[in-house]
Amino acid sequence: MDEKLTIVMISMHTSPLAQPGQGDAGGMNVYIRNLTDALVRAGHQVLAFTRKTLRTGDTVILDEGTQSKVIPLPVGQLKLQKGALAELTEEFAEKLLSTVGDHARHPIVLHSHYWLSGLAAIHAATRLGSPVIHTMHTLGAAKNESAPGTEPAYRLEREAYISAKANVVTANTVVEKHELIAHTGVLPGRVEVVHPGVDHRIFNSTGPRHWPGRTAVGPLRVLFAGRFQRFKGPHVLVRALAVLRDRGHRNLPVVHFTGAVSGSEEYDPRAQAHLLGVAQSCSFSAPVAPAVLASYMRGADVVAVPSVAESFGLVAVEAQACGTPVLAHRAGGLSTAVSHGVSGCLVDSLDPREWADVLETIMAEPTTWQARSIAGIQHAAGFSWTAMAQRMLEIYTSASRSSETTGGATRHG
């Protein structure tokens, strides 16, 4: 694996440099940035292509030695909703094709992220003769299974198309692999399971701790970190507080939400807290840098992940690396990210009453919950970005060699 590669990371709808927790930025951005850093440390060139927006302007040099860069492409109006980007994927691919040759120093492998980028990658691959590795991050059919009607039929059709055309589709967990097979019809042998990692230099149990929320007059400090949207579920925690209050609990847990509204402006957990009469137990702050987030995690007793589904659940693993047990929805990759009954607890539904039940148990048995801290650290130790990058390089190299005879992205029918 001595041959150097140029890995073209395609992240059309959100820049790898965007702040997670706001807009369309989240775990996928963390994934791409950390994988990129690990690949650069291994001496490979990474060219990350994203769409130019109000927040992304000029090319950013990530590493002088490898000439790794983030390159924004001017495609469409600067300010567009994510839903409007589906019609721009070919234009994005054409701009990439006219640009990539000026920067690439080695044989090219395309690694696309999310279905919009996958469409662009398949289009570009036919001219570059390069293989396509695709990571869905979220799967439309899986989202619809948990929340019917969330995603349109055309997204599901295009995800099946990408799965048929890409050389390799990666899954974060075995659970996601089964979902990909069931929903897209991809052949099992073309799906590789590659666990994301954790930056243990930042997310560890020995760094500073800071609780950003209200003074913990209550029995428990709960942290939510992510985008404020229904799919991520912060409202579940607000409603669980109301359930506890209605059950007669005088000292409620205090919950701090760090993030920003994403998508519908009508979705407002802060307003819900006021309407339900639990605002005195809630506090809110903007998204923060990873090192600050790690200090929040160490300062919390519980990190809650009430998402409808996650392909993995990076926040959950980062919290465990900090020594904080996790309360999460038993859905998708969260069942891998959290070891139920060992490093945290998985809740079978998003019914606020069930979440209130678990919070009651944690309040009643704080010693049992705290004992899961060490197990969480040990569980998270099994995930690293360096190991992930090594596995990805094996996939890139194998696909690159195979594409020399097949001519780029796999063609079926």
Protein backbone atom coordinates (compact mmCIF):
# COMPACT_ATOMS: atom_id res chain seq x y z
CA MET A 1 0.00 0.00 0.00
CA ASP A 2 2.96 2.28 -0.70
CA GLU A 3 1.36 3.83 -3.78
CA LYS A 4 -0.04 7.24 -2.98
CA LEU A 5 -3.61 8.05 -3.95
CA THR A 6 -5.66 11.18 -4.49
CA ILE A 7 -8.91 10.62 -2.65
CA VAL A 8 -11.60 12.91 -4.00
CA MET A 9 -14.06 13.39 -1.14
CA ILE A 10 -17.39 14.59 -2.51
CA SER A 11 -19.58 16.35 0.01
CA MET A 12 -21.86 18.40 -2.18
CA HIS A 13 -24.44 19.69 0.28
CA THR A 14 -22.22 20.56 3.26
CA SER A 15 -18.57 21.46 3.69
CA PRO A 16 -16.30 19.22 5.78
CA LEU A 17 -15.23 22.44 7.51
CA ALA A 18 -18.76 23.39 8.61
CA GLN A 19 -19.55 23.56 12.33
CA PRO A 20 -21.42 20.38 13.35
CA GLY A 21 -24.73 21.01 15.05
CA GLN A 22 -26.04 23.74 12.78
CA GLY A 23 -27.49 23.92 9.27
CA ASP A 24 -26.92 20.61 7.50
CA ALA A 25 -23.70 19.89 9.39
CA GLY A 26 -23.51 16.97 11.75
CA GLY A 27 -21.83 13.60 12.17
CA MET A 28 -21.08 13.32 8.46
CA ASN A 29 -18.91 16.45 8.62
CA VAL A 30 -17.02 15.05 11.61
CA TYR A 31 -16.59 11.76 9.74
CA ILE A 32 -15.19 13.36 6.57
CA ARG A 33 -12.87 15.76 8.39
CA ASN A 34 -11.38 13.11 10.68
CA LEU A 35 -11.02 10.54 7.89
CA THR A 36 -9.35 13.23 5.78
CA ASP A 37 -6.90 14.11 8.55
CA ALA A 38 -5.97 10.45 9.03
CA LEU A 39 -5.46 9.91 5.29
CA VAL A 40 -3.29 13.02 5.07
CA ARG A 41 -1.20 11.80 8.01
CA ALA A 42 -0.67 8.59 6.02
CA GLY A 43 0.74 10.69 3.17
CA HIS A 44 -2.18 10.64 0.73
CA GLN A 45 -3.73 13.62 -1.01
CA VAL A 46 -7.34 14.47 -0.23
CA LEU A 47 -9.33 16.84 -2.41
CA ALA A 48 -12.67 17.57 -0.74
CA PHE A 49 -15.20 19.08 -3.13
CA THR A 50 -18.25 20.89 -1.77
CA ARG A 51 -20.73 23.38 -3.14
CA LYS A 52 -19.92 27.06 -2.79
CA THR A 53 -22.41 28.74 -0.44
CA LEU A 54 -22.64 31.85 1.67
CA ARG A 55 -20.45 30.08 4.24
CA THR A 56 -17.90 28.54 1.88
CA GLY A 57 -15.76 30.74 -0.32
CA ASP A 58 -12.20 30.17 -1.45
CA THR A 59 -10.18 26.97 -1.59
CA VAL A 60 -8.72 26.02 1.79
CA ILE A 61 -5.33 24.29 1.98
CA LEU A 62 -5.50 21.53 4.57
CA ASP A 63 -1.91 20.32 4.21
CA GLU A 64 0.93 21.83 2.19
CA GLY A 65 2.98 18.64 1.93
CA THR A 66 0.27 16.52 0.32
CA GLN A 67 -1.51 19.52 -1.24
CA SER A 68 -4.75 18.41 0.33
CA LYS A 69 -7.56 20.96 -0.02
CA VAL A 70 -11.22 21.76 0.40
CA ILE A 71 -12.45 23.12 -2.96
CA PRO A 72 -15.85 24.87 -3.15
CA LEU A 73 -17.50 24.71 -6.60
CA PRO A 74 -19.84 27.49 -7.80
CA VAL A 75 -22.98 25.52 -8.64
CA GLY A 76 -26.42 27.09 -8.39
CA GLN A 77 -27.34 30.08 -6.27
CA LEU A 78 -25.28 30.61 -3.14
CA LYS A 79 -28.26 30.15 -0.83
CA LEU A 80 -30.30 27.04 -1.59
CA GLN A 81 -32.25 24.54 0.47
CA LYS A 82 -30.86 21.00 0.43
CA GLY A 83 -33.99 19.81 -1.35
CA ALA A 84 -33.16 21.97 -4.37
CA LEU A 85 -29.76 20.34 -4.92
CA ALA A 86 -31.01 17.12 -6.54
CA GLU A 87 -31.26 18.85 -9.90
CA LEU A 88 -27.70 20.19 -9.69
CA THR A 89 -25.73 16.97 -9.25
CA GLU A 90 -24.67 16.68 -12.90
CA GLU A 91 -23.63 20.33 -13.03
CA PHE A 92 -21.62 19.76 -9.85
CA ALA A 93 -19.96 16.71 -11.44
CA GLU A 94 -19.08 18.69 -14.56
CA LYS A 95 -17.48 21.45 -12.48
CA LEU A 96 -15.54 18.81 -10.53
CA LEU A 97 -14.32 17.24 -13.79
CA SER A 98 -13.08 20.59 -15.09
CA THR A 99 -11.24 21.27 -11.81
CA VAL A 100 -9.87 18.02 -10.42
CA GLY A 101 -7.11 17.61 -13.03
CA ASP A 102 -5.53 20.88 -11.93
CA HIS A 103 -5.05 19.58 -8.39
CA ALA A 104 -4.75 15.76 -8.41
CA ARG A 105 -1.22 14.41 -7.99
CA HIS A 106 -1.90 10.65 -7.90
CA PRO A 107 -4.39 8.06 -9.20
CA ILE A 108 -7.91 9.17 -8.27
CA VAL A 109 -10.44 7.36 -6.11
CA LEU A 110 -13.85 8.98 -5.60
CA HIS A 111 -15.40 8.73 -2.14
CA SER A 112 -18.89 10.25 -2.08
CA HIS A 113 -20.95 11.04 0.98
CA TYR A 114 -24.77 11.15 1.07
CA TRP A 115 -26.98 10.40 -1.92
CA LEU A 116 -26.62 13.80 -3.61
CA SER A 117 -22.85 13.39 -3.74
CA GLY A 118 -23.24 9.80 -4.87
CA LEU A 119 -25.09 10.90 -7.99
CA ALA A 120 -22.35 13.42 -8.78
CA ALA A 121 -19.65 10.78 -8.23
CA ILE A 122 -21.27 8.23 -10.55
CA HIS A 123 -21.55 10.88 -13.27
CA ALA A 124 -17.91 11.96 -12.87
CA ALA A 125 -16.60 8.39 -12.72
CA THR A 126 -17.73 7.59 -16.25
CA ARG A 127 -15.26 10.17 -17.58
CA LEU A 128 -12.46 9.82 -15.04
CA GLY A 129 -12.33 6.04 -15.18
CA SER A 130 -11.98 6.08 -11.41
CA PRO A 131 -13.74 3.86 -8.88
CA VAL A 132 -16.51 5.14 -6.64
CA ILE A 133 -16.69 4.33 -2.94
CA HIS A 134 -19.97 5.56 -1.49
CA THR A 135 -21.11 6.13 2.09
CA MET A 136 -24.83 6.86 2.54
CA HIS A 137 -24.60 8.23 6.13
CA THR A 138 -28.41 8.20 6.21
CA LEU A 139 -30.69 6.00 4.15
CA GLY A 140 -34.02 7.41 3.02
CA ALA A 141 -35.92 4.13 3.31
CA ALA A 142 -34.60 3.57 6.84
CA LYS A 143 -35.77 7.05 7.84
CA ASN A 144 -39.20 6.37 6.37
CA GLU A 145 -39.39 3.10 8.26
CA SER A 146 -39.00 4.96 11.55
CA ALA A 147 -40.85 8.12 10.50
CA PRO A 148 -43.16 7.39 7.51
CA GLY A 149 -43.26 10.03 4.81
CA THR A 150 -40.04 11.74 5.84
CA GLU A 151 -38.22 11.18 2.54
CA PRO A 152 -39.57 11.30 -1.05
CA ALA A 153 -39.69 8.30 -3.39
CA TYR A 154 -37.15 9.81 -5.78
CA ARG A 155 -34.49 9.77 -3.07
CA LEU A 156 -35.06 6.07 -2.44
CA GLU A 157 -34.85 5.33 -6.17
CA ARG A 158 -31.58 7.23 -6.51
CA GLU A 159 -30.05 5.54 -3.48
CA ALA A 160 -30.79 2.17 -5.12
CA TYR A 161 -29.20 3.46 -8.34
CA ILE A 162 -26.04 4.57 -6.48
CA SER A 163 -25.83 1.23 -4.69
CA ALA A 164 -25.99 -0.56 -8.06
CA LYS A 165 -23.35 1.61 -9.71
CA ALA A 166 -20.74 2.27 -7.02
CA ASN A 167 -17.80 -0.11 -6.78
CA VAL A 168 -18.13 -0.35 -3.01
CA VAL A 169 -20.77 0.89 -0.57
CA THR A 170 -19.56 1.28 3.00
CA ALA A 171 -21.72 0.79 6.07
CA ASN A 172 -20.88 2.07 9.53
CA THR A 173 -22.28 -1.04 11.21
CA VAL A 174 -23.59 -4.51 10.42
CA VAL A 175 -27.08 -3.16 11.12
CA GLU A 176 -26.63 -0.55 8.39
CA LYS A 177 -25.29 -3.20 6.01
CA HIS A 178 -28.49 -5.21 6.44
CA GLU A 179 -30.55 -2.05 5.86
CA LEU A 180 -28.64 -1.28 2.67
CA ILE A 181 -29.18 -4.80 1.34
CA ALA A 182 -32.88 -4.81 2.25
CA HIS A 183 -33.73 -1.34 0.96
CA THR A 184 -31.46 -0.85 -2.05
CA GLY A 185 -30.90 -4.39 -3.32
CA VAL A 186 -27.12 -3.98 -3.24
CA LEU A 187 -25.23 -7.27 -3.36
CA PRO A 188 -23.93 -8.21 0.11
CA GLY A 189 -20.40 -8.78 -1.21
CA ARG A 190 -20.15 -5.16 -2.33
CA VAL A 191 -20.92 -3.68 1.10
CA GLU A 192 -17.97 -3.19 3.44
CA VAL A 193 -18.53 -2.48 7.14
CA VAL A 194 -16.12 0.20 8.37
CA HIS A 195 -16.70 1.63 11.85
CA PRO A 196 -16.10 5.38 12.27
CA GLY A 197 -13.67 6.49 14.94
CA VAL A 198 -13.14 8.86 17.83
CA ASP A 199 -10.43 11.46 18.26
CA HIS A 200 -9.14 10.25 21.61
CA ARG A 201 -6.80 13.23 21.86
CA ILE A 202 -9.91 15.39 22.39
CA PHE A 203 -12.57 13.00 23.65
CA ASN A 204 -11.11 11.38 26.76
CA SER A 205 -11.87 11.22 30.46
CA THR A 206 -8.89 13.23 31.70
CA GLY A 207 -9.52 16.66 30.19
CA PRO A 208 -11.31 19.64 31.73
CA ARG A 209 -14.98 19.37 32.59
CA HIS A 210 -17.57 22.11 32.37
CA TRP A 211 -21.32 22.00 32.81
CA PRO A 212 -22.82 24.73 30.58
CA GLY A 213 -26.39 24.38 31.78
CA ARG A 214 -28.39 25.49 34.76
CA THR A 215 -27.06 24.86 38.24
CA ALA A 216 -27.72 21.23 38.95
CA VAL A 217 -30.27 21.69 41.72
CA GLY A 218 -31.90 18.61 40.33
CA PRO A 219 -30.59 15.06 40.63
CA LEU A 220 -29.21 14.71 37.11
CA ARG A 221 -27.39 16.71 34.40
CA VAL A 222 -28.39 15.63 30.89
CA LEU A 223 -26.65 16.87 27.71
CA PHE A 224 -28.06 16.88 24.18
CA ALA A 225 -25.59 17.79 21.40
CA GLY A 226 -26.83 18.04 17.83
CA ARG A 227 -29.06 19.81 15.38
CA PHE A 228 -32.44 21.00 16.60
CA GLN A 229 -34.72 19.07 14.27
CA ARG A 230 -37.47 16.54 14.82
CA PHE A 231 -35.36 13.67 13.45
CA LYS A 232 -32.73 14.27 16.17
CA GLY A 233 -35.41 14.26 18.87
CA PRO A 234 -34.59 17.01 21.40
CA HIS A 235 -38.35 17.38 21.96
CA VAL A 236 -38.40 13.85 23.41
CA LEU A 237 -36.30 15.07 26.35
CA VAL A 238 -38.47 18.16 26.86
CA ARG A 239 -41.60 16.03 26.97
CA ALA A 240 -39.95 13.48 29.26
CA LEU A 241 -39.30 16.29 31.76
CA ALA A 242 -43.00 17.18 31.63
CA VAL A 243 -43.90 13.54 32.27
CA LEU A 244 -41.61 13.45 35.32
CA ARG A 245 -43.15 16.65 36.60
CA ASP A 246 -46.65 15.24 36.17
CA ARG A 247 -45.59 12.16 38.09
CA GLY A 248 -44.85 14.36 41.08
CA HIS A 249 -41.07 14.77 40.85
CA ARG A 250 -40.20 18.09 42.46
CA ASN A 251 -36.51 18.02 41.53
CA LEU A 252 -36.29 17.43 37.80
CA PRO A 253 -33.15 16.64 35.82
CA VAL A 254 -31.56 19.68 34.20
CA VAL A 255 -31.09 19.34 30.45
CA HIS A 256 -28.72 21.42 28.35
CA PHE A 257 -29.17 21.52 24.57
CA THR A 258 -26.16 22.57 22.49
CA GLY A 259 -26.91 23.01 18.80
CA ALA A 260 -28.95 25.10 16.38
CA VAL A 261 -32.22 24.88 14.49
CA SER A 262 -31.87 22.91 11.26
CA GLY A 263 -34.59 22.72 8.65
CA SER A 264 -38.00 23.95 9.75
CA GLU A 265 -37.89 27.16 11.77
CA GLU A 266 -41.20 26.08 13.30
CA TYR A 267 -39.47 23.31 15.22
CA ASP A 268 -38.39 24.99 18.46
CA PRO A 269 -37.50 22.89 21.54
CA ARG A 270 -37.05 26.07 23.60
CA ALA A 271 -40.64 27.14 22.89
CA GLN A 272 -41.86 23.62 23.69
CA ALA A 273 -40.12 23.78 27.06
CA HIS A 274 -41.98 26.99 27.89
CA LEU A 275 -45.32 25.66 26.65
CA LEU A 276 -44.95 22.50 28.74
CA GLY A 277 -43.82 24.42 31.82
CA VAL A 278 -40.36 22.86 32.15
CA ALA A 279 -38.24 25.76 30.85
CA GLN A 280 -36.66 26.22 34.29
CA SER A 281 -35.02 22.80 33.82
CA CYS A 282 -33.72 23.51 30.30
CA SER A 283 -30.93 25.66 28.87
CA PHE A 284 -29.64 26.21 25.36
CA SER A 285 -26.39 27.21 23.65
CA ALA A 286 -24.94 27.37 20.15
CA PRO A 287 -22.78 24.57 18.68
CA VAL A 288 -19.22 24.49 20.00
CA ALA A 289 -15.78 23.28 18.95
CA PRO A 290 -14.91 19.62 19.69
CA ALA A 291 -12.67 20.38 22.69
CA VAL A 292 -15.43 22.46 24.31
CA LEU A 293 -18.02 19.79 23.55
CA ALA A 294 -15.77 17.23 25.23
CA SER A 295 -15.67 19.38 28.38
CA TYR A 296 -19.50 19.55 28.33
CA MET A 297 -19.68 15.78 28.01
CA ARG A 298 -17.37 15.30 31.00
CA GLY A 299 -19.51 17.73 33.00
CA ALA A 300 -22.72 15.81 32.28
CA ASP A 301 -24.10 12.76 34.07
CA VAL A 302 -25.92 11.58 30.94
CA VAL A 303 -25.51 12.29 27.23
CA ALA A 304 -28.84 11.68 25.50
CA VAL A 305 -29.26 10.70 21.84
CA PRO A 306 -33.02 10.51 21.11
CA SER A 307 -32.61 10.36 17.31
CA VAL A 308 -35.17 8.59 15.15
CA ALA A 309 -32.18 6.69 13.72
CA GLU A 310 -28.43 7.07 13.23
CA SER A 311 -26.15 5.21 10.84
CA PHE A 312 -23.67 5.11 13.72
CA GLY A 313 -23.96 7.77 16.41
CA LEU A 314 -20.65 9.60 16.77
CA VAL A 315 -21.86 11.75 19.67
CA ALA A 316 -22.69 8.62 21.63
CA VAL A 317 -19.21 7.15 21.21
CA GLU A 318 -17.49 10.49 21.90
CA ALA A 319 -19.45 10.80 25.14
CA GLN A 320 -18.45 7.32 26.26
CA ALA A 321 -14.81 8.12 25.47
CA CYS A 322 -15.19 11.04 27.90
CA GLY A 323 -16.44 8.66 30.58
CA THR A 324 -20.10 9.69 30.41
CA PRO A 325 -22.74 6.96 29.99
CA VAL A 326 -25.25 7.38 27.15
CA LEU A 327 -29.02 7.15 26.96
CA ALA A 328 -30.01 6.52 23.33
CA HIS A 329 -32.79 5.26 21.10
CA ARG A 330 -32.34 1.63 20.08
CA ALA A 331 -32.24 2.33 16.34
CA GLY A 332 -29.73 1.86 13.54
CA GLY A 333 -26.08 2.16 14.48
CA LEU A 334 -26.82 3.33 18.01
CA SER A 335 -27.19 -0.32 19.01
CA THR A 336 -23.51 -0.70 18.07
CA ALA A 337 -22.33 2.66 19.39
CA VAL A 338 -23.80 1.99 22.85
CA SER A 339 -23.39 -1.26 24.76
CA HIS A 340 -26.80 -1.64 26.39
CA GLY A 341 -26.68 -2.24 30.13
CA VAL A 342 -22.89 -1.89 30.09
CA SER A 343 -21.88 1.58 28.87
CA GLY A 344 -25.35 3.09 28.79
CA CYS A 345 -28.97 2.32 28.07
CA LEU A 346 -30.94 1.88 24.84
CA VAL A 347 -34.62 2.84 24.86
CA ASP A 348 -36.92 0.85 22.58
CA SER A 349 -39.07 3.77 21.46
CA LEU A 350 -39.21 7.56 21.38
CA ASP A 351 -42.25 7.65 23.66
CA PRO A 352 -41.41 10.37 26.25
CA ARG A 353 -42.96 8.17 28.94
CA GLU A 354 -40.38 5.46 28.31
CA TRP A 355 -37.58 8.03 28.44
CA ALA A 356 -39.02 9.34 31.70
CA ASP A 357 -39.03 5.75 33.03
CA VAL A 358 -35.30 5.38 32.33
CA LEU A 359 -34.48 8.80 33.77
CA GLU A 360 -36.37 7.80 36.93
CA THR A 361 -34.29 4.63 37.17
CA ILE A 362 -31.06 6.59 36.75
CA MET A 363 -32.12 9.06 39.46
CA ALA A 364 -33.03 6.19 41.78
CA GLU A 365 -29.79 4.27 41.13
CA PRO A 366 -27.08 6.87 40.48
CA THR A 367 -24.27 4.58 41.62
CA THR A 368 -25.23 1.90 39.08
CA TRP A 369 -25.31 4.50 36.31
CA GLN A 370 -21.97 6.04 37.30
CA ALA A 371 -20.38 2.59 37.30
CA ARG A 372 -20.93 2.45 33.55
CA SER A 373 -18.37 5.20 33.04
CA ILE A 374 -15.36 2.85 32.91
CA ALA A 375 -17.18 0.45 30.61
CA GLY A 376 -17.94 3.36 28.26
CA ILE A 377 -14.29 4.36 28.09
CA GLN A 378 -13.34 0.77 27.29
CA HIS A 379 -16.10 0.46 24.67
CA ALA A 380 -15.09 3.68 22.91
CA ALA A 381 -11.43 2.64 22.88
CA GLY A 382 -12.28 0.19 20.12
CA PHE A 383 -13.02 3.00 17.67
CA SER A 384 -10.25 5.13 16.11
CA TRP A 385 -9.93 7.26 12.98
CA THR A 386 -6.46 5.88 12.26
CA ALA A 387 -7.75 2.30 12.16
CA MET A 388 -10.67 3.43 10.04
CA ALA A 389 -8.38 5.20 7.55
CA GLN A 390 -6.22 2.08 7.24
CA ARG A 391 -9.29 0.00 6.43
CA MET A 392 -10.51 2.61 3.94
CA LEU A 393 -7.13 2.63 2.21
CA GLU A 394 -7.39 -1.12 1.72
CA ILE A 395 -10.80 -0.58 0.09
CA TYR A 396 -9.56 2.33 -2.05
CA THR A 397 -6.52 0.39 -3.25
CA SER A 398 -8.49 -2.74 -4.08
CA ALA A 399 -11.15 -0.73 -5.94
CA SER A 400 -8.49 1.22 -7.81
CA ARG A 401 -6.83 -1.96 -9.03
CA SER A 402 -10.17 -3.48 -10.04
CA SER A 403 -11.25 -0.36 -11.90
CA GLU A 404 -8.24 -0.64 -14.19
CA THR A 405 -10.05 -3.51 -15.88
CA THR A 406 -13.68 -2.36 -15.45
CA GLY A 407 -13.16 1.31 -16.28
CA GLY A 408 -14.40 3.11 -13.20
CA ALA A 409 -17.74 2.75 -11.45
CA THR A 410 -19.33 -0.66 -11.69
CA ARG A 411 -21.77 -1.06 -14.54
CA HIS A 412 -24.72 -3.40 -14.18
CA GLY A 413 -27.22 -4.04 -16.95
